[in-house]
Amino acid sequence: MIDIARREWEDGRAALEAARDDRARYERLLVLVDVVVAELRRRIGQTFTLAELAREYVNADRWAREALADAEPPRGWPREVALVTGAAFYAYARGAVDYRP
C-alpha cells in the first residue's frame, strides 16, 4: 500500500514540476498544494509515519476537494485535484519519521 501511494505521490510531484513552463498555472497549483498540505497538517499532525500518511491518502480525494472548495480556489481547480493531492502528499511525506528517499 505504501509503495503504490508513494508512486502516485511522485507522479503528482512530477506533474507539478512539468507545469513550471506555464508560470501562471504553476503558481496556481502551488497555492492549491499549500491548501492540501495545511489540511494534512491538521489531520495527522507533524509527527507521523508513512503508513499513517498512506492511510489518510485513501480518503484524500474527498477531503481534499472539500478543503480546496473552502479555500475559494481559482477557476478550473477541480481538474487539478489528483495532481495537487499527489504533490501535497509527496511534499508532506518528507516529514515522516520513517521517510527514506
PDB file of N, CA and C in Angstrom:
ATOM      1  N   MET A   1       0.823  -1.194   0.000  1.00  0.00           N
ATOM      2  CA  MET A   1       0.000   0.000   0.000  1.00  0.00           C
ATOM      3  C   MET A   1       0.873   1.266   0.000  1.00  0.00           C
ATOM      4  N   ILE A   2       1.906   1.274   0.814  1.00  0.00           N
ATOM      5  CA  ILE A   2       2.766   2.451   0.905  1.00  0.00           C
ATOM      6  C   ILE A   2       3.510   2.678  -0.410  1.00  0.00           C
ATOM      7  N   ASP A   3       4.011   1.608  -1.003  1.00  0.00           N
ATOM      8  CA  ASP A   3       4.768   1.753  -2.257  1.00  0.00           C
ATOM      9  C   ASP A   3       3.898   2.309  -3.382  1.00  0.00           C
ATOM     10  N   ILE A   4       2.681   1.824  -3.479  1.00  0.00           N
ATOM     11  CA  ILE A   4       1.764   2.316  -4.519  1.00  0.00           C
ATOM     12  C   ILE A   4       1.441   3.783  -4.274  1.00  0.00           C
ATOM     13  N   ALA A   5       1.139   4.119  -3.031  1.00  0.00           N
ATOM     14  CA  ALA A   5       0.821   5.507  -2.688  1.00  0.00           C
ATOM     15  C   ALA A   5       2.011   6.416  -3.006  1.00  0.00           C
ATOM     16  N   ARG A   6       3.205   5.974  -2.639  1.00  0.00           N
ATOM     17  CA  ARG A   6       4.383   6.808  -2.897  1.00  0.00           C
ATOM     18  C   ARG A   6       4.598   7.032  -4.389  1.00  0.00           C
ATOM     19  N   ARG A   7       4.312   6.028  -5.202  1.00  0.00           N
ATOM     20  CA  ARG A   7       4.432   6.215  -6.664  1.00  0.00           C
ATOM     21  C   ARG A   7       3.430   7.258  -7.154  1.00  0.00           C
ATOM     22  N   GLU A   8       2.219   7.205  -6.619  1.00  0.00           N
ATOM     23  CA  GLU A   8       1.214   8.191  -7.009  1.00  0.00           C
ATOM     24  C   GLU A   8       1.621   9.589  -6.545  1.00  0.00           C
ATOM     25  N   TRP A   9       2.215   9.688  -5.366  1.00  0.00           N
ATOM     26  CA  TRP A   9       2.684  10.983  -4.882  1.00  0.00           C
ATOM     27  C   TRP A   9       3.807  11.506  -5.770  1.00  0.00           C
ATOM     28  N   GLU A  10       4.693  10.616  -6.163  1.00  0.00           N
ATOM     29  CA  GLU A  10       5.788  11.013  -7.060  1.00  0.00           C
ATOM     30  C   GLU A  10       5.248  11.472  -8.417  1.00  0.00           C
ATOM     31  N   ASP A  11       4.203  10.803  -8.892  1.00  0.00           N
ATOM     32  CA  ASP A  11       3.572  11.223 -10.151  1.00  0.00           C
ATOM     33  C   ASP A  11       2.995  12.631 -10.016  1.00  0.00           C
ATOM     34  N   GLY A  12       2.382  12.916  -8.882  1.00  0.00           N
ATOM     35  CA  GLY A  12       1.839  14.252  -8.633  1.00  0.00           C
ATOM     36  C   GLY A  12       2.932  15.304  -8.627  1.00  0.00           C
ATOM     37  N   ARG A  13       4.047  14.991  -7.969  1.00  0.00           N
ATOM     38  CA  ARG A  13       5.170  15.922  -7.936  1.00  0.00           C
ATOM     39  C   ARG A  13       5.729  16.146  -9.332  1.00  0.00           C
ATOM     40  N   ALA A  14       5.857  15.070 -10.095  1.00  0.00           N
ATOM     41  CA  ALA A  14       6.384  15.184 -11.463  1.00  0.00           C
ATOM     42  C   ALA A  14       5.457  16.036 -12.330  1.00  0.00           C
ATOM     43  N   ALA A  15       4.156  15.850 -12.179  1.00  0.00           N
ATOM     44  CA  ALA A  15       3.199  16.653 -12.945  1.00  0.00           C
ATOM     45  C   ALA A  15       3.267  18.124 -12.527  1.00  0.00           C
ATOM     46  N   LEU A  16       3.457  18.360 -11.249  1.00  0.00           N
ATOM     47  CA  LEU A  16       3.609  19.735 -10.771  1.00  0.00           C
ATOM     48  C   LEU A  16       4.855  20.372 -11.379  1.00  0.00           C
ATOM     49  N   GLU A  17       5.952  19.658 -11.355  1.00  0.00           N
ATOM     50  CA  GLU A  17       7.192  20.186 -11.927  1.00  0.00           C
ATOM     51  C   GLU A  17       7.075  20.405 -13.429  1.00  0.00           C
ATOM     52  N   ALA A  18       6.333  19.561 -14.105  1.00  0.00           N
ATOM     53  CA  ALA A  18       6.129  19.717 -15.550  1.00  0.00           C
ATOM     54  C   ALA A  18       5.347  20.985 -15.872  1.00  0.00           C
ATOM     55  N   ALA A  19       4.594  21.483 -14.899  1.00  0.00           N
ATOM     56  CA  ALA A  19       3.798  22.696 -15.111  1.00  0.00           C
ATOM     57  C   ALA A  19       4.623  23.972 -14.969  1.00  0.00           C
ATOM     58  N   ARG A  20       5.891  23.858 -14.598  1.00  0.00           N
ATOM     59  CA  ARG A  20       6.736  25.052 -14.396  1.00  0.00           C
ATOM     60  C   ARG A  20       6.815  25.948 -15.638  1.00  0.00           C
ATOM     61  N   ASP A  21       6.679  25.361 -16.815  1.00  0.00           N
ATOM     62  CA  ASP A  21       6.769  26.150 -18.046  1.00  0.00           C
ATOM     63  C   ASP A  21       5.619  27.143 -18.190  1.00  0.00           C
ATOM     64  N   ASP A  22       4.505  26.855 -17.544  1.00  0.00           N
ATOM     65  CA  ASP A  22       3.348  27.753 -17.557  1.00  0.00           C
ATOM     66  C   ASP A  22       3.292  28.409 -16.181  1.00  0.00           C
ATOM     67  N   ARG A  23       3.956  29.545 -16.063  1.00  0.00           N
ATOM     68  CA  ARG A  23       4.151  30.193 -14.760  1.00  0.00           C
ATOM     69  C   ARG A  23       2.842  30.429 -14.004  1.00  0.00           C
ATOM     70  N   ALA A  24       1.824  30.932 -14.683  1.00  0.00           N
ATOM     71  CA  ALA A  24       0.549  31.227 -14.019  1.00  0.00           C
ATOM     72  C   ALA A  24      -0.082  29.950 -13.460  1.00  0.00           C
ATOM     73  N   ARG A  25      -0.088  28.899 -14.262  1.00  0.00           N
ATOM     74  CA  ARG A  25      -0.654  27.626 -13.805  1.00  0.00           C
ATOM     75  C   ARG A  25       0.163  27.056 -12.652  1.00  0.00           C
ATOM     76  N   TYR A  26       1.468  27.091 -12.776  1.00  0.00           N
ATOM     77  CA  TYR A  26       2.352  26.556 -11.742  1.00  0.00           C
ATOM     78  C   TYR A  26       2.127  27.277 -10.405  1.00  0.00           C
ATOM     79  N   GLU A  27       2.044  28.584 -10.451  1.00  0.00           N
ATOM     80  CA  GLU A  27       1.817  29.348  -9.218  1.00  0.00           C
ATOM     81  C   GLU A  27       0.451  29.039  -8.622  1.00  0.00           C
ATOM     82  N   ARG A  28      -0.549  28.863  -9.477  1.00  0.00           N
ATOM     83  CA  ARG A  28      -1.882  28.491  -9.003  1.00  0.00           C
ATOM     84  C   ARG A  28      -1.834  27.119  -8.338  1.00  0.00           C
ATOM     85  N   LEU A  29      -1.118  26.183  -8.954  1.00  0.00           N
ATOM     86  CA  LEU A  29      -1.000  24.838  -8.384  1.00  0.00           C
ATOM     87  C   LEU A  29      -0.282  24.854  -7.036  1.00  0.00           C
ATOM     88  N   LEU A  30       0.750  25.668  -6.912  1.00  0.00           N
ATOM     89  CA  LEU A  30       1.468  25.754  -5.631  1.00  0.00           C
ATOM     90  C   LEU A  30       0.550  26.228  -4.509  1.00  0.00           C
ATOM     91  N   VAL A  31      -0.324  27.176  -4.807  1.00  0.00           N
ATOM     92  CA  VAL A  31      -1.290  27.648  -3.805  1.00  0.00           C
ATOM     93  C   VAL A  31      -2.216  26.506  -3.395  1.00  0.00           C
ATOM     94  N   LEU A  32      -2.668  25.730  -4.365  1.00  0.00           N
ATOM     95  CA  LEU A  32      -3.557  24.606  -4.076  1.00  0.00           C
ATOM     96  C   LEU A  32      -2.837  23.515  -3.278  1.00  0.00           C
ATOM     97  N   VAL A  33      -1.586  23.252  -3.620  1.00  0.00           N
ATOM     98  CA  VAL A  33      -0.792  22.274  -2.861  1.00  0.00           C
ATOM     99  C   VAL A  33      -0.687  22.716  -1.403  1.00  0.00           C
ATOM    100  N   ASP A  34      -0.453  23.994  -1.178  1.00  0.00           N
ATOM    101  CA  ASP A  34      -0.359  24.510   0.190  1.00  0.00           C
ATOM    102  C   ASP A  34      -1.648  24.291   0.973  1.00  0.00           C
ATOM    103  N   VAL A  35      -2.786  24.414   0.308  1.00  0.00           N
ATOM    104  CA  VAL A  35      -4.073  24.175   0.974  1.00  0.00           C
ATOM    105  C   VAL A  35      -4.151  22.724   1.440  1.00  0.00           C
ATOM    106  N   VAL A  36      -3.774  21.793   0.584  1.00  0.00           N
ATOM    107  CA  VAL A  36      -3.839  20.375   0.938  1.00  0.00           C
ATOM    108  C   VAL A  36      -2.806  20.039   2.014  1.00  0.00           C
ATOM    109  N   VAL A  37      -1.626  20.612   1.934  1.00  0.00           N
ATOM    110  CA  VAL A  37      -0.611  20.380   2.969  1.00  0.00           C
ATOM    111  C   VAL A  37      -1.122  20.886   4.325  1.00  0.00           C
ATOM    112  N   ALA A  38      -1.740  22.046   4.344  1.00  0.00           N
ATOM    113  CA  ALA A  38      -2.290  22.576   5.602  1.00  0.00           C
ATOM    114  C   ALA A  38      -3.353  21.635   6.168  1.00  0.00           C
ATOM    115  N   GLU A  39      -4.171  21.078   5.305  1.00  0.00           N
ATOM    116  CA  GLU A  39      -5.191  20.133   5.770  1.00  0.00           C
ATOM    117  C   GLU A  39      -4.543  18.850   6.276  1.00  0.00           C
ATOM    118  N   LEU A  40      -3.492  18.393   5.628  1.00  0.00           N
ATOM    119  CA  LEU A  40      -2.754  17.221   6.127  1.00  0.00           C
ATOM    120  C   LEU A  40      -2.192  17.490   7.518  1.00  0.00           C
ATOM    121  N   ARG A  41      -1.614  18.648   7.696  1.00  0.00           N
ATOM    122  CA  ARG A  41      -1.051  19.013   8.998  1.00  0.00           C
ATOM    123  C   ARG A  41      -2.141  18.974  10.069  1.00  0.00           C
ATOM    124  N   ARG A  42      -3.323  19.471   9.724  1.00  0.00           N
ATOM    125  CA  ARG A  42      -4.444  19.475  10.663  1.00  0.00           C
ATOM    126  C   ARG A  42      -4.916  18.053  10.959  1.00  0.00           C
ATOM    127  N   ARG A  43      -4.939  17.210   9.944  1.00  0.00           N
ATOM    128  CA  ARG A  43      -5.469  15.858  10.088  1.00  0.00           C
ATOM    129  C   ARG A  43      -4.514  14.891  10.785  1.00  0.00           C
ATOM    130  N   ILE A  44      -3.241  14.927  10.454  1.00  0.00           N
ATOM    131  CA  ILE A  44      -2.333  13.922  11.036  1.00  0.00           C
ATOM    132  C   ILE A  44      -1.218  14.511  11.885  1.00  0.00           C
ATOM    133  N   GLY A  45      -1.106  15.813  11.920  1.00  0.00           N
ATOM    134  CA  GLY A  45      -0.090  16.432  12.765  1.00  0.00           C
ATOM    135  C   GLY A  45       1.280  16.421  12.122  1.00  0.00           C
ATOM    136  N   GLN A  46       2.276  16.762  12.939  1.00  0.00           N
ATOM    137  CA  GLN A  46       3.616  16.886  12.405  1.00  0.00           C
ATOM    138  C   GLN A  46       4.489  15.672  12.690  1.00  0.00           C
ATOM    139  N   THR A  47       4.018  14.770  13.531  1.00  0.00           N
ATOM    140  CA  THR A  47       4.755  13.537  13.802  1.00  0.00           C
ATOM    141  C   THR A  47       3.901  12.382  13.298  1.00  0.00           C
ATOM    142  N   PHE A  48       4.396  11.687  12.264  1.00  0.00           N
ATOM    143  CA  PHE A  48       3.619  10.636  11.617  1.00  0.00           C
ATOM    144  C   PHE A  48       4.555   9.700  10.876  1.00  0.00           C
ATOM    145  N   THR A  49       4.024   8.556  10.518  1.00  0.00           N
ATOM    146  CA  THR A  49       4.770   7.589   9.717  1.00  0.00           C
ATOM    147  C   THR A  49       4.219   7.591   8.288  1.00  0.00           C
ATOM    148  N   LEU A  50       4.962   6.975   7.387  1.00  0.00           N
ATOM    149  CA  LEU A  50       4.469   6.839   6.014  1.00  0.00           C
ATOM    150  C   LEU A  50       3.205   6.003   5.961  1.00  0.00           C
ATOM    151  N   ALA A  51       3.098   4.994   6.821  1.00  0.00           N
ATOM    152  CA  ALA A  51       1.882   4.167   6.853  1.00  0.00           C
ATOM    153  C   ALA A  51       0.675   5.006   7.259  1.00  0.00           C
ATOM    154  N   GLU A  52       0.842   5.874   8.244  1.00  0.00           N
ATOM    155  CA  GLU A  52      -0.257   6.750   8.652  1.00  0.00           C
ATOM    156  C   GLU A  52      -0.645   7.689   7.511  1.00  0.00           C
ATOM    157  N   LEU A  53       0.354   8.204   6.832  1.00  0.00           N
ATOM    158  CA  LEU A  53       0.093   9.098   5.707  1.00  0.00           C
ATOM    159  C   LEU A  53      -0.621   8.356   4.577  1.00  0.00           C
ATOM    160  N   ALA A  54      -0.195   7.140   4.296  1.00  0.00           N
ATOM    161  CA  ALA A  54      -0.835   6.339   3.247  1.00  0.00           C
ATOM    162  C   ALA A  54      -2.288   6.033   3.601  1.00  0.00           C
ATOM    163  N   ARG A  55      -2.567   5.782   4.871  1.00  0.00           N
ATOM    164  CA  ARG A  55      -3.960   5.537   5.290  1.00  0.00           C
ATOM    165  C   ARG A  55      -4.814   6.782   5.071  1.00  0.00           C
ATOM    166  N   GLU A  56      -4.262   7.928   5.325  1.00  0.00           N
ATOM    167  CA  GLU A  56      -5.004   9.176   5.109  1.00  0.00           C
ATOM    168  C   GLU A  56      -5.228   9.421   3.618  1.00  0.00           C
ATOM    169  N   TYR A  57      -4.315   8.957   2.802  1.00  0.00           N
ATOM    170  CA  TYR A  57      -4.398   9.136   1.350  1.00  0.00           C
ATOM    171  C   TYR A  57      -5.599   8.411   0.745  1.00  0.00           C
ATOM    172  N   VAL A  58      -6.012   7.336   1.376  1.00  0.00           N
ATOM    173  CA  VAL A  58      -7.133   6.547   0.855  1.00  0.00           C
ATOM    174  C   VAL A  58      -8.376   7.410   0.670  1.00  0.00           C
ATOM    175  N   ASN A  59      -8.636   8.324   1.581  1.00  0.00           N
ATOM    176  CA  ASN A  59      -9.828   9.175   1.505  1.00  0.00           C
ATOM    177  C   ASN A  59      -9.516  10.605   1.080  1.00  0.00           C
ATOM    178  N   ALA A  60      -8.310  10.831   0.642  1.00  0.00           N
ATOM    179  CA  ALA A  60      -7.867  12.197   0.369  1.00  0.00           C
ATOM    180  C   ALA A  60      -8.636  12.879  -0.750  1.00  0.00           C
ATOM    181  N   ASP A  61      -9.075  12.141  -1.739  1.00  0.00           N
ATOM    182  CA  ASP A  61      -9.792  12.781  -2.841  1.00  0.00           C
ATOM    183  C   ASP A  61     -11.013  13.535  -2.324  1.00  0.00           C
ATOM    184  N   ARG A  62     -11.733  12.920  -1.409  1.00  0.00           N
ATOM    185  CA  ARG A  62     -12.944  13.548  -0.858  1.00  0.00           C
ATOM    186  C   ARG A  62     -12.600  14.786  -0.030  1.00  0.00           C
ATOM    187  N   TRP A  63     -11.739  14.613   0.967  1.00  0.00           N
ATOM    188  CA  TRP A  63     -11.488  15.747   1.853  1.00  0.00           C
ATOM    189  C   TRP A  63     -10.641  16.830   1.187  1.00  0.00           C
ATOM    190  N   ALA A  64      -9.793  16.454   0.236  1.00  0.00           N
ATOM    191  CA  ALA A  64      -9.008  17.471  -0.474  1.00  0.00           C
ATOM    192  C   ALA A  64      -9.934  18.369  -1.292  1.00  0.00           C
ATOM    193  N   ARG A  65     -10.921  17.772  -1.951  1.00  0.00           N
ATOM    194  CA  ARG A  65     -11.897  18.576  -2.703  1.00  0.00           C
ATOM    195  C   ARG A  65     -12.607  19.556  -1.787  1.00  0.00           C
ATOM    196  N   GLU A  66     -13.005  19.074  -0.609  1.00  0.00           N
ATOM    197  CA  GLU A  66     -13.695  19.942   0.353  1.00  0.00           C
ATOM    198  C   GLU A  66     -12.790  21.069   0.827  1.00  0.00           C
ATOM    199  N   ALA A  67     -11.544  20.745   1.170  1.00  0.00           N
ATOM    200  CA  ALA A  67     -10.601  21.767   1.636  1.00  0.00           C
ATOM    201  C   ALA A  67     -10.331  22.798   0.553  1.00  0.00           C
ATOM    202  N   LEU A  68     -10.167  22.331  -0.679  1.00  0.00           N
ATOM    203  CA  LEU A  68      -9.905  23.253  -1.781  1.00  0.00           C
ATOM    204  C   LEU A  68     -11.111  24.136  -2.064  1.00  0.00           C
ATOM    205  N   ALA A  69     -12.294  23.565  -2.022  1.00  0.00           N
ATOM    206  CA  ALA A  69     -13.510  24.349  -2.253  1.00  0.00           C
ATOM    207  C   ALA A  69     -13.671  25.417  -1.173  1.00  0.00           C
ATOM    208  N   ASP A  70     -13.377  25.058   0.070  1.00  0.00           N
ATOM    209  CA  ASP A  70     -13.485  26.008   1.181  1.00  0.00           C
ATOM    210  C   ASP A  70     -12.477  27.149   1.058  1.00  0.00           C
ATOM    211  N   ALA A  71     -11.364  26.896   0.395  1.00  0.00           N
ATOM    212  CA  ALA A  71     -10.308  27.901   0.241  1.00  0.00           C
ATOM    213  C   ALA A  71     -10.568  28.858  -0.920  1.00  0.00           C
ATOM    214  N   GLU A  72     -11.711  28.704  -1.570  1.00  0.00           N
ATOM    215  CA  GLU A  72     -12.066  29.542  -2.711  1.00  0.00           C
ATOM    216  C   GLU A  72     -10.941  29.581  -3.746  1.00  0.00           C
ATOM    217  N   PRO A  73     -10.648  28.427  -4.315  1.00  0.00           N
ATOM    218  CA  PRO A  73      -9.544  28.331  -5.280  1.00  0.00           C
ATOM    219  C   PRO A  73      -9.879  29.009  -6.606  1.00  0.00           C
ATOM    220  N   PRO A  74      -8.866  29.194  -7.440  1.00  0.00           N
ATOM    221  CA  PRO A  74      -9.098  29.794  -8.758  1.00  0.00           C
ATOM    222  C   PRO A  74      -9.982  28.899  -9.624  1.00  0.00           C
ATOM    223  N   ARG A  75     -10.584  29.507 -10.604  1.00  0.00           N
ATOM    224  CA  ARG A  75     -11.445  28.790 -11.541  1.00  0.00           C
ATOM    225  C   ARG A  75     -10.700  27.621 -12.185  1.00  0.00           C
ATOM    226  N   GLY A  76     -11.413  26.514 -12.385  1.00  0.00           N
ATOM    227  CA  GLY A  76     -10.834  25.367 -13.063  1.00  0.00           C
ATOM    228  C   GLY A  76     -10.092  24.396 -12.153  1.00  0.00           C
ATOM    229  N   TRP A  77     -10.095  24.624 -10.848  1.00  0.00           N
ATOM    230  CA  TRP A  77      -9.314  23.782  -9.942  1.00  0.00           C
ATOM    231  C   TRP A  77      -9.760  22.332  -9.873  1.00  0.00           C
ATOM    232  N   PRO A  78     -11.052  21.993 -10.084  1.00  0.00           N
ATOM    233  CA  PRO A  78     -11.408  20.577  -9.895  1.00  0.00           C
ATOM    234  C   PRO A  78     -10.616  19.610 -10.760  1.00  0.00           C
ATOM    235  N   ARG A  79     -10.220  20.008 -11.944  1.00  0.00           N
ATOM    236  CA  ARG A  79      -9.481  19.082 -12.805  1.00  0.00           C
ATOM    237  C   ARG A  79      -8.056  18.857 -12.311  1.00  0.00           C
ATOM    238  N   GLU A  80      -7.615  19.655 -11.355  1.00  0.00           N
ATOM    239  CA  GLU A  80      -6.248  19.571 -10.836  1.00  0.00           C
ATOM    240  C   GLU A  80      -6.151  18.815  -9.511  1.00  0.00           C
ATOM    241  N   VAL A  81      -7.255  18.310  -8.984  1.00  0.00           N
ATOM    242  CA  VAL A  81      -7.258  17.723  -7.637  1.00  0.00           C
ATOM    243  C   VAL A  81      -6.273  16.565  -7.507  1.00  0.00           C
ATOM    244  N   ALA A  82      -6.240  15.649  -8.433  1.00  0.00           N
ATOM    245  CA  ALA A  82      -5.339  14.492  -8.325  1.00  0.00           C
ATOM    246  C   ALA A  82      -3.882  14.940  -8.335  1.00  0.00           C
ATOM    247  N   LEU A  83      -3.535  15.846  -9.231  1.00  0.00           N
ATOM    248  CA  LEU A  83      -2.167  16.363  -9.299  1.00  0.00           C
ATOM    249  C   LEU A  83      -1.800  17.056  -7.992  1.00  0.00           C
ATOM    250  N   VAL A  84      -2.655  17.950  -7.537  1.00  0.00           N
ATOM    251  CA  VAL A  84      -2.399  18.722  -6.322  1.00  0.00           C
ATOM    252  C   VAL A  84      -2.287  17.806  -5.105  1.00  0.00           C
ATOM    253  N   THR A  85      -3.191  16.843  -5.002  1.00  0.00           N
ATOM    254  CA  THR A  85      -3.167  15.935  -3.856  1.00  0.00           C
ATOM    255  C   THR A  85      -1.890  15.104  -3.854  1.00  0.00           C
ATOM    256  N   GLY A  86      -1.530  14.565  -4.997  1.00  0.00           N
ATOM    257  CA  GLY A  86      -0.294  13.780  -5.073  1.00  0.00           C
ATOM    258  C   GLY A  86       0.922  14.603  -4.708  1.00  0.00           C
ATOM    259  N   ALA A  87       1.011  15.813  -5.237  1.00  0.00           N
ATOM    260  CA  ALA A  87       2.154  16.678  -4.948  1.00  0.00           C
ATOM    261  C   ALA A  87       2.198  17.071  -3.471  1.00  0.00           C
ATOM    262  N   ALA A  88       1.042  17.312  -2.881  1.00  0.00           N
ATOM    263  CA  ALA A  88       0.994  17.672  -1.463  1.00  0.00           C
ATOM    264  C   ALA A  88       1.443  16.502  -0.591  1.00  0.00           C
ATOM    265  N   PHE A  89       0.973  15.307  -0.888  1.00  0.00           N
ATOM    266  CA  PHE A  89       1.385  14.135  -0.116  1.00  0.00           C
ATOM    267  C   PHE A  89       2.875  13.868  -0.304  1.00  0.00           C
ATOM    268  N   TYR A  90       3.380  14.064  -1.510  1.00  0.00           N
ATOM    269  CA  TYR A  90       4.811  13.888  -1.757  1.00  0.00           C
ATOM    270  C   TYR A  90       5.618  14.829  -0.855  1.00  0.00           C
ATOM    271  N   ALA A  91       5.219  16.089  -0.832  1.00  0.00           N
ATOM    272  CA  ALA A  91       5.933  17.073  -0.014  1.00  0.00           C
ATOM    273  C   ALA A  91       5.817  16.737   1.469  1.00  0.00           C
ATOM    274  N   TYR A  92       4.636  16.360   1.900  1.00  0.00           N
ATOM    275  CA  TYR A  92       4.419  16.086   3.327  1.00  0.00           C
ATOM    276  C   TYR A  92       5.130  14.820   3.767  1.00  0.00           C
ATOM    277  N   ALA A  93       5.248  13.843   2.880  1.00  0.00           N
ATOM    278  CA  ALA A  93       5.887  12.566   3.218  1.00  0.00           C
ATOM    279  C   ALA A  93       7.326  12.758   3.670  1.00  0.00           C
ATOM    280  N   ARG A  94       7.969  13.782   3.191  1.00  0.00           N
ATOM    281  CA  ARG A  94       9.366  14.028   3.555  1.00  0.00           C
ATOM    282  C   ARG A  94       9.524  14.298   5.049  1.00  0.00           C
ATOM    283  N   GLY A  95       8.434  14.639   5.721  1.00  0.00           N
ATOM    284  CA  GLY A  95       8.479  14.886   7.163  1.00  0.00           C
ATOM    285  C   GLY A  95       8.159  13.666   8.007  1.00  0.00           C
ATOM    286  N   ALA A  96       7.881  12.532   7.364  1.00  0.00           N
ATOM    287  CA  ALA A  96       7.549  11.313   8.114  1.00  0.00           C
ATOM    288  C   ALA A  96       8.760  10.835   8.917  1.00  0.00           C
ATOM    289  N   VAL A  97       8.501  10.304  10.106  1.00  0.00           N
ATOM    290  CA  VAL A  97       9.604   9.851  10.959  1.00  0.00           C
ATOM    291  C   VAL A  97      10.388   8.706  10.320  1.00  0.00           C
ATOM    292  N   ASP A  98       9.746   7.962   9.415  1.00  0.00           N
ATOM    293  CA  ASP A  98      10.410   6.844   8.769  1.00  0.00           C
ATOM    294  C   ASP A  98      10.686   7.103   7.279  1.00  0.00           C
ATOM    295  N   TYR A  99      10.709   8.370   6.884  1.00  0.00           N
ATOM    296  CA  TYR A  99      10.926   8.712   5.478  1.00  0.00           C
ATOM    297  C   TYR A  99      12.321   8.299   5.019  1.00  0.00           C
ATOM    298  N   ARG A 100      12.364   7.667   3.870  1.00  0.00           N
ATOM    299  CA  ARG A 100      13.610   7.360   3.170  1.00  0.00           C
ATOM    300  C   ARG A 100      13.378   7.668   1.696  1.00  0.00           C
ATOM    301  N   PRO A 101      14.295   8.395   1.051  1.00  0.00           N
ATOM    302  CA  PRO A 101      14.107   8.738  -0.371  1.00  0.00           C
ATOM    303  C   PRO A 101      14.064   7.507  -1.261  1.00  0.00           C
TER     304      PRO A 101
END
